[in-house]
Amino acid sequence: MRKVIIIIASLMLAAGIVILLFEPVSTSVNKQKSEKITEEFEETLKQIEKASKSKTNKKNVAAQNSGSSSYTPPTKEQLDRLLKDSKKYNKSLISNQGTVSTSNYASAALNLRNYGIYNNMYGYISAPSIGMKLPIYLGANENMMKSGAAHLDNTSLPIKGKSVNCAIAGHTGYMGRVFFDNIKRLGIGSEVSVRNYWGKLNYKVIKTHRVSSDNTEDIPIRQNRQLLTLITCIYREKNEFDRYIVICEKQS
């Protein structure tokens, strides 16, 4: 009987250790995964630039890529078309402010497959002071948000522009993953950047605050301002949540 008790106690101890280690180990693994995705994004940009300069065909570029040999990155021509359509999309939003239901945030602003991009990744967001670096996917739906940060449809895409407000959402408290959990540590003046296919956009935090879950006052475009609005959930009470907002403005 004593041996049985010892065995049961040992199993319970082992189970407890596994439970304690699961989240930090899982978080570390998934952080490395996110960093690998952003590194592969940078490698893709290098290959596209190389192909553009040397006029290498797409099949040769794919063979040079560090990832799967079956992967073919988008061409410069496809990205030029994506940039043109992104600018057109952003411009169309200016006259539609306040007319869009929040239920439409989950759709993708553009179908990236039409531009040779099959992972739905538009770029990545980083904030060095909190060690954050996450891929940005189009469409704030659960499928995208469980993989990284998600751009809210019907808000500006993260590109240069005279009047833009790009809203990006990320989970807090997601089991085994750290997404926007630490944006609450960003203070006024903290640096945030977005790397897209055409360059890097540098921002500084200008405001942080807490709002109710149905409050969308920070989403509209502000005339002649280039804004980036980060959104995550924050616990209120009785399994109800508010939204924590970090507003950033592009630096010239």
C-alpha atoms as a PDB file:
ATOM      1  CA  MET A   1       0.000   0.000   0.000  1.00  0.00           C
ATOM      2  CA  ARG A   2       2.835   2.320   0.892  1.00  0.00           C
ATOM      3  CA  LYS A   3       4.456   1.714  -2.497  1.00  0.00           C
ATOM      4  CA  VAL A   4       1.184   2.607  -4.239  1.00  0.00           C
ATOM      5  CA  ILE A   5       0.970   5.874  -2.277  1.00  0.00           C
ATOM      6  CA  ILE A   6       4.584   6.700  -3.177  1.00  0.00           C
ATOM      7  CA  ILE A   7       3.927   5.974  -6.857  1.00  0.00           C
ATOM      8  CA  ILE A   8       0.776   8.125  -6.858  1.00  0.00           C
ATOM      9  CA  ALA A   9       2.579  10.941  -5.065  1.00  0.00           C
ATOM     10  CA  SER A  10       5.462  10.744  -7.547  1.00  0.00           C
ATOM     11  CA  LEU A  11       3.055  10.885 -10.494  1.00  0.00           C
ATOM     12  CA  MET A  12       1.258  13.874  -8.999  1.00  0.00           C
ATOM     13  CA  LEU A  13       4.572  15.636  -8.426  1.00  0.00           C
ATOM     14  CA  ALA A  14       5.655  14.928 -11.999  1.00  0.00           C
ATOM     15  CA  ALA A  15       2.310  16.188 -13.323  1.00  0.00           C
ATOM     16  CA  GLY A  16       2.661  19.351 -11.263  1.00  0.00           C
ATOM     17  CA  ILE A  17       6.134  20.002 -12.641  1.00  0.00           C
ATOM     18  CA  VAL A  18       4.867  19.490 -16.198  1.00  0.00           C
ATOM     19  CA  ILE A  19       2.014  21.947 -15.613  1.00  0.00           C
ATOM     20  CA  LEU A  20       4.368  24.535 -14.108  1.00  0.00           C
ATOM     21  CA  LEU A  21       6.834  24.234 -16.986  1.00  0.00           C
ATOM     22  CA  PHE A  22       4.291  24.041 -19.806  1.00  0.00           C
ATOM     23  CA  GLU A  23       3.470  27.724 -20.120  1.00  0.00           C
ATOM     24  CA  PRO A  24       7.017  29.188 -19.898  1.00  0.00           C
ATOM     25  CA  VAL A  25       8.411  26.515 -22.240  1.00  0.00           C
ATOM     26  CA  SER A  26       5.504  26.926 -24.666  1.00  0.00           C
ATOM     27  CA  THR A  27       5.860  30.714 -24.554  1.00  0.00           C
ATOM     28  CA  SER A  28       9.582  30.492 -25.288  1.00  0.00           C
ATOM     29  CA  VAL A  29       9.036  28.090 -28.195  1.00  0.00           C
ATOM     30  CA  ASN A  30       6.327  30.233 -29.728  1.00  0.00           C
ATOM     31  CA  LYS A  31       8.385  33.410 -29.311  1.00  0.00           C
ATOM     32  CA  GLN A  32      11.168  31.729 -31.267  1.00  0.00           C
ATOM     33  CA  LYS A  33       8.585  30.747 -33.877  1.00  0.00           C
ATOM     34  CA  SER A  34       7.417  34.355 -34.270  1.00  0.00           C
ATOM     35  CA  GLU A  35      11.003  35.572 -34.528  1.00  0.00           C
ATOM     36  CA  LYS A  36      11.722  32.951 -37.178  1.00  0.00           C
ATOM     37  CA  ILE A  37       8.708  34.106 -39.195  1.00  0.00           C
ATOM     38  CA  THR A  38       9.917  37.717 -39.105  1.00  0.00           C
ATOM     39  CA  GLU A  39      13.443  36.627 -40.054  1.00  0.00           C
ATOM     40  CA  GLU A  40      12.046  34.701 -43.009  1.00  0.00           C
ATOM     41  CA  PHE A  41      10.120  37.830 -43.991  1.00  0.00           C
ATOM     42  CA  GLU A  42      13.375  39.797 -44.079  1.00  0.00           C
ATOM     43  CA  GLU A  43      15.019  37.021 -46.097  1.00  0.00           C
ATOM     44  CA  THR A  44      12.136  37.138 -48.571  1.00  0.00           C
ATOM     45  CA  LEU A  45      12.683  40.877 -49.020  1.00  0.00           C
ATOM     46  CA  LYS A  46      16.369  40.282 -49.701  1.00  0.00           C
ATOM     47  CA  GLN A  47      15.562  37.664 -52.313  1.00  0.00           C
ATOM     48  CA  ILE A  48      13.040  39.947 -54.001  1.00  0.00           C
ATOM     49  CA  GLU A  49      15.579  42.767 -54.062  1.00  0.00           C
ATOM     50  CA  LYS A  50      18.219  40.431 -55.443  1.00  0.00           C
ATOM     51  CA  ALA A  51      15.872  39.170 -58.144  1.00  0.00           C
ATOM     52  CA  SER A  52      14.913  42.715 -59.058  1.00  0.00           C
ATOM     53  CA  LYS A  53      18.529  43.770 -59.493  1.00  0.00           C
ATOM     54  CA  SER A  54      19.724  40.682 -61.314  1.00  0.00           C
ATOM     55  CA  LYS A  55      16.472  40.049 -63.213  1.00  0.00           C
ATOM     56  CA  THR A  56      16.528  36.495 -61.912  1.00  0.00           C
ATOM     57  CA  ASN A  57      13.345  34.569 -62.705  1.00  0.00           C
ATOM     58  CA  LYS A  58      11.027  33.472 -59.908  1.00  0.00           C
ATOM     59  CA  LYS A  59      12.028  29.801 -60.007  1.00  0.00           C
ATOM     60  CA  ASN A  60      15.668  30.635 -59.414  1.00  0.00           C
ATOM     61  CA  VAL A  61      14.751  32.928 -56.530  1.00  0.00           C
ATOM     62  CA  ALA A  62      12.728  30.151 -54.948  1.00  0.00           C
ATOM     63  CA  ALA A  63      15.684  27.769 -55.148  1.00  0.00           C
ATOM     64  CA  GLN A  64      17.880  30.327 -53.362  1.00  0.00           C
ATOM     65  CA  ASN A  65      15.388  30.898 -50.556  1.00  0.00           C
ATOM     66  CA  SER A  66      16.403  29.481 -47.168  1.00  0.00           C
ATOM     67  CA  GLY A  67      12.990  27.932 -46.637  1.00  0.00           C
ATOM     68  CA  SER A  68      11.211  25.242 -48.617  1.00  0.00           C
ATOM     69  CA  SER A  69      12.389  24.863 -52.207  1.00  0.00           C
ATOM     70  CA  SER A  70       8.747  24.944 -53.295  1.00  0.00           C
ATOM     71  CA  TYR A  71       8.293  28.450 -51.923  1.00  0.00           C
ATOM     72  CA  THR A  72       8.166  31.244 -54.480  1.00  0.00           C
ATOM     73  CA  PRO A  73       8.202  34.766 -53.051  1.00  0.00           C
ATOM     74  CA  PRO A  74       6.188  37.518 -54.709  1.00  0.00           C
ATOM     75  CA  THR A  75       7.890  39.471 -57.480  1.00  0.00           C
ATOM     76  CA  LYS A  76       8.655  43.170 -57.328  1.00  0.00           C
ATOM     77  CA  GLU A  77       5.916  43.710 -59.901  1.00  0.00           C
ATOM     78  CA  GLN A  78       3.368  41.974 -57.673  1.00  0.00           C
ATOM     79  CA  LEU A  79       4.446  44.052 -54.674  1.00  0.00           C
ATOM     80  CA  ASP A  80       4.250  47.250 -56.716  1.00  0.00           C
ATOM     81  CA  ARG A  81       0.663  46.323 -57.552  1.00  0.00           C
ATOM     82  CA  LEU A  82      -0.050  45.512 -53.889  1.00  0.00           C
ATOM     83  CA  LEU A  83       1.288  48.911 -52.821  1.00  0.00           C
ATOM     84  CA  LYS A  84      -0.846  50.656 -55.438  1.00  0.00           C
ATOM     85  CA  ASP A  85      -3.966  48.788 -54.303  1.00  0.00           C
ATOM     86  CA  SER A  86      -3.115  49.404 -50.622  1.00  0.00           C
ATOM     87  CA  LYS A  87      -2.932  53.149 -51.243  1.00  0.00           C
ATOM     88  CA  LYS A  88      -6.227  52.993 -53.118  1.00  0.00           C
ATOM     89  CA  TYR A  89      -7.795  51.057 -50.241  1.00  0.00           C
ATOM     90  CA  ASN A  90      -6.576  53.568 -47.641  1.00  0.00           C
ATOM     91  CA  LYS A  91      -7.839  56.491 -49.674  1.00  0.00           C
ATOM     92  CA  SER A  92     -11.282  54.893 -49.979  1.00  0.00           C
ATOM     93  CA  LEU A  93     -11.615  54.715 -46.184  1.00  0.00           C
ATOM     94  CA  ILE A  94     -11.435  58.461 -45.642  1.00  0.00           C
ATOM     95  CA  SER A  95     -14.944  59.030 -46.981  1.00  0.00           C
ATOM     96  CA  ASN A  96     -16.370  55.977 -45.149  1.00  0.00           C
ATOM     97  CA  GLN A  97     -15.467  56.795 -41.556  1.00  0.00           C
ATOM     98  CA  GLY A  98     -18.218  55.896 -39.115  1.00  0.00           C
ATOM     99  CA  THR A  99     -20.185  53.850 -41.641  1.00  0.00           C
ATOM    100  CA  VAL A 100     -18.577  50.461 -40.993  1.00  0.00           C
ATOM    101  CA  SER A 101     -19.828  47.901 -38.485  1.00  0.00           C
ATOM    102  CA  THR A 102     -17.198  46.543 -36.093  1.00  0.00           C
ATOM    103  CA  SER A 103     -18.284  43.031 -37.156  1.00  0.00           C
ATOM    104  CA  ASN A 104     -16.484  43.676 -40.441  1.00  0.00           C
ATOM    105  CA  TYR A 105     -13.078  44.027 -38.791  1.00  0.00           C
ATOM    106  CA  ALA A 106     -12.492  40.282 -39.149  1.00  0.00           C
ATOM    107  CA  SER A 107     -12.259  40.241 -42.946  1.00  0.00           C
ATOM    108  CA  ALA A 108      -8.998  40.699 -44.839  1.00  0.00           C
ATOM    109  CA  ALA A 109      -8.579  44.162 -46.333  1.00  0.00           C
ATOM    110  CA  LEU A 110      -7.013  42.640 -49.445  1.00  0.00           C
ATOM    111  CA  ASN A 111      -6.625  39.086 -50.697  1.00  0.00           C
ATOM    112  CA  LEU A 112      -2.855  38.728 -50.589  1.00  0.00           C
ATOM    113  CA  ARG A 113      -2.986  35.589 -52.714  1.00  0.00           C
ATOM    114  CA  ASN A 114      -3.715  37.874 -55.636  1.00  0.00           C
ATOM    115  CA  TYR A 115      -0.235  39.301 -55.138  1.00  0.00           C
ATOM    116  CA  GLY A 116       1.689  36.052 -54.725  1.00  0.00           C
ATOM    117  CA  ILE A 117       1.576  36.070 -50.900  1.00  0.00           C
ATOM    118  CA  TYR A 118       0.077  32.876 -49.507  1.00  0.00           C
ATOM    119  CA  ASN A 119       0.679  33.194 -45.766  1.00  0.00           C
ATOM    120  CA  ASN A 120      -1.492  36.351 -45.434  1.00  0.00           C
ATOM    121  CA  MET A 121       1.419  38.217 -43.821  1.00  0.00           C
ATOM    122  CA  TYR A 122       1.626  41.937 -44.593  1.00  0.00           C
ATOM    123  CA  GLY A 123       4.676  42.632 -42.436  1.00  0.00           C
ATOM    124  CA  TYR A 124       5.583  42.596 -38.769  1.00  0.00           C
ATOM    125  CA  ILE A 125       5.345  44.877 -35.752  1.00  0.00           C
ATOM    126  CA  SER A 126       8.043  45.330 -33.126  1.00  0.00           C
ATOM    127  CA  ALA A 127       8.528  47.189 -29.856  1.00  0.00           C
ATOM    128  CA  PRO A 128      12.103  46.750 -28.530  1.00  0.00           C
ATOM    129  CA  SER A 129      11.379  47.993 -24.993  1.00  0.00           C
ATOM    130  CA  ILE A 130       9.024  45.054 -24.340  1.00  0.00           C
ATOM    131  CA  GLY A 131      10.762  42.488 -26.558  1.00  0.00           C
ATOM    132  CA  MET A 132       7.823  42.243 -28.939  1.00  0.00           C
ATOM    133  CA  LYS A 133       8.147  41.158 -32.559  1.00  0.00           C
ATOM    134  CA  LEU A 134       5.054  39.700 -34.203  1.00  0.00           C
ATOM    135  CA  PRO A 135       3.894  39.025 -37.755  1.00  0.00           C
ATOM    136  CA  ILE A 136       0.956  41.128 -38.962  1.00  0.00           C
ATOM    137  CA  TYR A 137      -1.849  39.244 -40.702  1.00  0.00           C
ATOM    138  CA  LEU A 138      -4.836  40.760 -42.474  1.00  0.00           C
ATOM    139  CA  GLY A 139      -8.198  40.308 -40.758  1.00  0.00           C
ATOM    140  CA  ALA A 140      -8.864  40.404 -37.008  1.00  0.00           C
ATOM    141  CA  ASN A 141     -10.408  36.945 -36.870  1.00  0.00           C
ATOM    142  CA  GLU A 142      -9.495  34.166 -34.465  1.00  0.00           C
ATOM    143  CA  ASN A 143      -7.545  32.213 -37.065  1.00  0.00           C
ATOM    144  CA  MET A 144      -5.196  35.148 -37.649  1.00  0.00           C
ATOM    145  CA  MET A 145      -5.028  36.332 -34.039  1.00  0.00           C
ATOM    146  CA  LYS A 146      -3.905  32.957 -32.740  1.00  0.00           C
ATOM    147  CA  SER A 147      -0.828  33.301 -34.963  1.00  0.00           C
ATOM    148  CA  GLY A 148       0.213  36.902 -34.362  1.00  0.00           C
ATOM    149  CA  ALA A 149      -1.056  40.467 -34.578  1.00  0.00           C
ATOM    150  CA  ALA A 150      -4.053  41.166 -36.798  1.00  0.00           C
ATOM    151  CA  HIS A 151      -4.954  44.197 -38.887  1.00  0.00           C
ATOM    152  CA  LEU A 152      -8.563  45.340 -38.500  1.00  0.00           C
ATOM    153  CA  ASP A 153     -10.339  45.498 -41.826  1.00  0.00           C
ATOM    154  CA  ASN A 154     -11.820  48.913 -42.647  1.00  0.00           C
ATOM    155  CA  THR A 155      -8.896  50.650 -40.958  1.00  0.00           C
ATOM    156  CA  SER A 156      -5.828  51.894 -42.808  1.00  0.00           C
ATOM    157  CA  LEU A 157      -3.221  49.423 -43.952  1.00  0.00           C
ATOM    158  CA  PRO A 158       0.229  50.076 -42.402  1.00  0.00           C
ATOM    159  CA  ILE A 159       1.875  52.062 -45.201  1.00  0.00           C
ATOM    160  CA  LYS A 160       2.990  55.656 -45.582  1.00  0.00           C
ATOM    161  CA  GLY A 161       0.180  58.115 -46.106  1.00  0.00           C
ATOM    162  CA  LYS A 162      -0.968  61.624 -45.320  1.00  0.00           C
ATOM    163  CA  SER A 163      -4.045  60.651 -43.291  1.00  0.00           C
ATOM    164  CA  VAL A 164      -4.010  57.093 -41.941  1.00  0.00           C
ATOM    165  CA  ASN A 165      -4.933  55.207 -38.796  1.00  0.00           C
ATOM    166  CA  CYS A 166      -3.932  51.557 -38.843  1.00  0.00           C
ATOM    167  CA  ALA A 167      -5.605  49.503 -36.105  1.00  0.00           C
ATOM    168  CA  ILE A 168      -3.904  46.265 -35.055  1.00  0.00           C
ATOM    169  CA  ALA A 169      -5.286  43.854 -32.477  1.00  0.00           C
ATOM    170  CA  GLY A 170      -3.526  41.184 -30.460  1.00  0.00           C
ATOM    171  CA  HIS A 171      -4.522  38.724 -27.760  1.00  0.00           C
ATOM    172  CA  THR A 172      -3.635  38.989 -24.080  1.00  0.00           C
ATOM    173  CA  GLY A 173      -3.574  35.885 -21.886  1.00  0.00           C
ATOM    174  CA  TYR A 174      -3.542  33.394 -24.735  1.00  0.00           C
ATOM    175  CA  MET A 175      -2.358  30.022 -23.427  1.00  0.00           C
ATOM    176  CA  GLY A 176       1.282  29.408 -24.300  1.00  0.00           C
ATOM    177  CA  ARG A 177       1.667  32.556 -26.388  1.00  0.00           C
ATOM    178  CA  VAL A 178       2.627  36.144 -25.693  1.00  0.00           C
ATOM    179  CA  PHE A 179       1.046  38.551 -28.163  1.00  0.00           C
ATOM    180  CA  PHE A 180      -0.034  41.995 -26.919  1.00  0.00           C
ATOM    181  CA  ASP A 181       0.188  41.057 -23.216  1.00  0.00           C
ATOM    182  CA  ASN A 182       2.976  43.560 -22.576  1.00  0.00           C
ATOM    183  CA  ILE A 183       1.789  46.591 -24.539  1.00  0.00           C
ATOM    184  CA  LYS A 184       0.466  47.899 -21.206  1.00  0.00           C
ATOM    185  CA  ARG A 185       4.130  48.478 -20.340  1.00  0.00           C
ATOM    186  CA  LEU A 186       4.583  50.868 -23.257  1.00  0.00           C
ATOM    187  CA  GLY A 187       4.794  54.449 -22.027  1.00  0.00           C
ATOM    188  CA  ILE A 188       4.563  57.803 -23.721  1.00  0.00           C
ATOM    189  CA  GLY A 189       7.511  58.089 -26.090  1.00  0.00           C
ATOM    190  CA  SER A 190       8.110  54.332 -26.394  1.00  0.00           C
ATOM    191  CA  GLU A 191       9.197  53.253 -29.869  1.00  0.00           C
ATOM    192  CA  VAL A 192       7.102  50.967 -32.050  1.00  0.00           C
ATOM    193  CA  SER A 193       7.832  50.064 -35.664  1.00  0.00           C
ATOM    194  CA  VAL A 194       6.144  48.288 -38.546  1.00  0.00           C
ATOM    195  CA  ARG A 195       8.136  46.580 -41.287  1.00  0.00           C
ATOM    196  CA  ASN A 196       6.176  46.056 -44.458  1.00  0.00           C
ATOM    197  CA  TYR A 197       7.278  45.014 -47.960  1.00  0.00           C
ATOM    198  CA  TRP A 198       8.386  48.543 -48.862  1.00  0.00           C
ATOM    199  CA  GLY A 199      10.226  49.771 -45.798  1.00  0.00           C
ATOM    200  CA  LYS A 200      10.097  50.457 -42.079  1.00  0.00           C
ATOM    201  CA  LEU A 201       7.672  52.837 -40.395  1.00  0.00           C
ATOM    202  CA  ASN A 202       8.791  54.249 -37.051  1.00  0.00           C
ATOM    203  CA  TYR A 203       6.285  55.424 -34.441  1.00  0.00           C
ATOM    204  CA  LYS A 204       6.264  56.747 -30.893  1.00  0.00           C
ATOM    205  CA  VAL A 205       3.535  56.183 -28.328  1.00  0.00           C
ATOM    206  CA  ILE A 206       1.526  59.356 -27.730  1.00  0.00           C
ATOM    207  CA  LYS A 207      -1.365  58.042 -25.627  1.00  0.00           C
ATOM    208  CA  THR A 208      -2.539  54.975 -23.705  1.00  0.00           C
ATOM    209  CA  HIS A 209      -5.917  54.430 -22.120  1.00  0.00           C
ATOM    210  CA  ARG A 210      -8.633  51.956 -21.278  1.00  0.00           C
ATOM    211  CA  VAL A 211     -12.059  51.925 -22.938  1.00  0.00           C
ATOM    212  CA  SER A 212     -15.157  49.751 -22.961  1.00  0.00           C
ATOM    213  CA  SER A 213     -15.245  46.837 -25.395  1.00  0.00           C
ATOM    214  CA  ASP A 214     -17.725  48.596 -27.689  1.00  0.00           C
ATOM    215  CA  ASN A 215     -15.846  51.914 -27.797  1.00  0.00           C
ATOM    216  CA  THR A 216     -14.380  52.609 -31.268  1.00  0.00           C
ATOM    217  CA  GLU A 217     -13.531  56.291 -30.867  1.00  0.00           C
ATOM    218  CA  ASP A 218      -9.823  55.646 -31.493  1.00  0.00           C
ATOM    219  CA  ILE A 219     -10.366  53.900 -34.844  1.00  0.00           C
ATOM    220  CA  PRO A 220     -11.295  56.793 -37.180  1.00  0.00           C
ATOM    221  CA  ILE A 221      -8.689  58.498 -39.358  1.00  0.00           C
ATOM    222  CA  ARG A 222      -7.440  61.882 -38.164  1.00  0.00           C
ATOM    223  CA  GLN A 223      -6.801  64.465 -40.866  1.00  0.00           C
ATOM    224  CA  ASN A 224      -3.113  64.812 -41.796  1.00  0.00           C
ATOM    225  CA  ARG A 225      -1.960  62.379 -39.090  1.00  0.00           C
ATOM    226  CA  GLN A 226      -0.247  59.021 -39.482  1.00  0.00           C
ATOM    227  CA  LEU A 227      -1.427  56.889 -36.585  1.00  0.00           C
ATOM    228  CA  LEU A 228      -0.995  53.301 -35.433  1.00  0.00           C
ATOM    229  CA  THR A 229      -3.539  52.068 -32.882  1.00  0.00           C
ATOM    230  CA  LEU A 230      -2.826  48.899 -30.893  1.00  0.00           C
ATOM    231  CA  ILE A 231      -5.716  47.107 -29.211  1.00  0.00           C
ATOM    232  CA  THR A 232      -5.896  44.269 -26.705  1.00  0.00           C
ATOM    233  CA  CYS A 233      -8.260  42.957 -24.038  1.00  0.00           C
ATOM    234  CA  ILE A 234      -7.899  43.824 -20.371  1.00  0.00           C
ATOM    235  CA  TYR A 235      -9.845  42.147 -17.560  1.00  0.00           C
ATOM    236  CA  ARG A 236     -12.561  44.133 -15.833  1.00  0.00           C
ATOM    237  CA  GLU A 237     -14.673  41.846 -13.626  1.00  0.00           C
ATOM    238  CA  LYS A 238     -16.951  38.810 -13.728  1.00  0.00           C
ATOM    239  CA  ASN A 239     -15.383  37.499 -16.941  1.00  0.00           C
ATOM    240  CA  GLU A 240     -15.971  40.831 -18.660  1.00  0.00           C
ATOM    241  CA  PHE A 241     -13.264  42.682 -20.526  1.00  0.00           C
ATOM    242  CA  ASP A 242     -12.454  46.225 -21.577  1.00  0.00           C
ATOM    243  CA  ARG A 243     -10.008  47.244 -24.300  1.00  0.00           C
ATOM    244  CA  TYR A 244      -6.545  48.630 -23.674  1.00  0.00           C
ATOM    245  CA  ILE A 245      -5.471  51.094 -26.356  1.00  0.00           C
ATOM    246  CA  VAL A 246      -1.990  52.273 -27.307  1.00  0.00           C
ATOM    247  CA  ILE A 247      -1.945  55.105 -29.846  1.00  0.00           C
ATOM    248  CA  CYS A 248       1.268  55.727 -31.751  1.00  0.00           C
ATOM    249  CA  GLU A 249       2.194  58.435 -34.260  1.00  0.00           C
ATOM    250  CA  LYS A 250       4.654  58.123 -37.117  1.00  0.00           C
ATOM    251  CA  GLN A 251       7.928  59.958 -36.763  1.00  0.00           C
ATOM    252  CA  SER A 252       9.162  62.004 -39.725  1.00  0.00           C
END
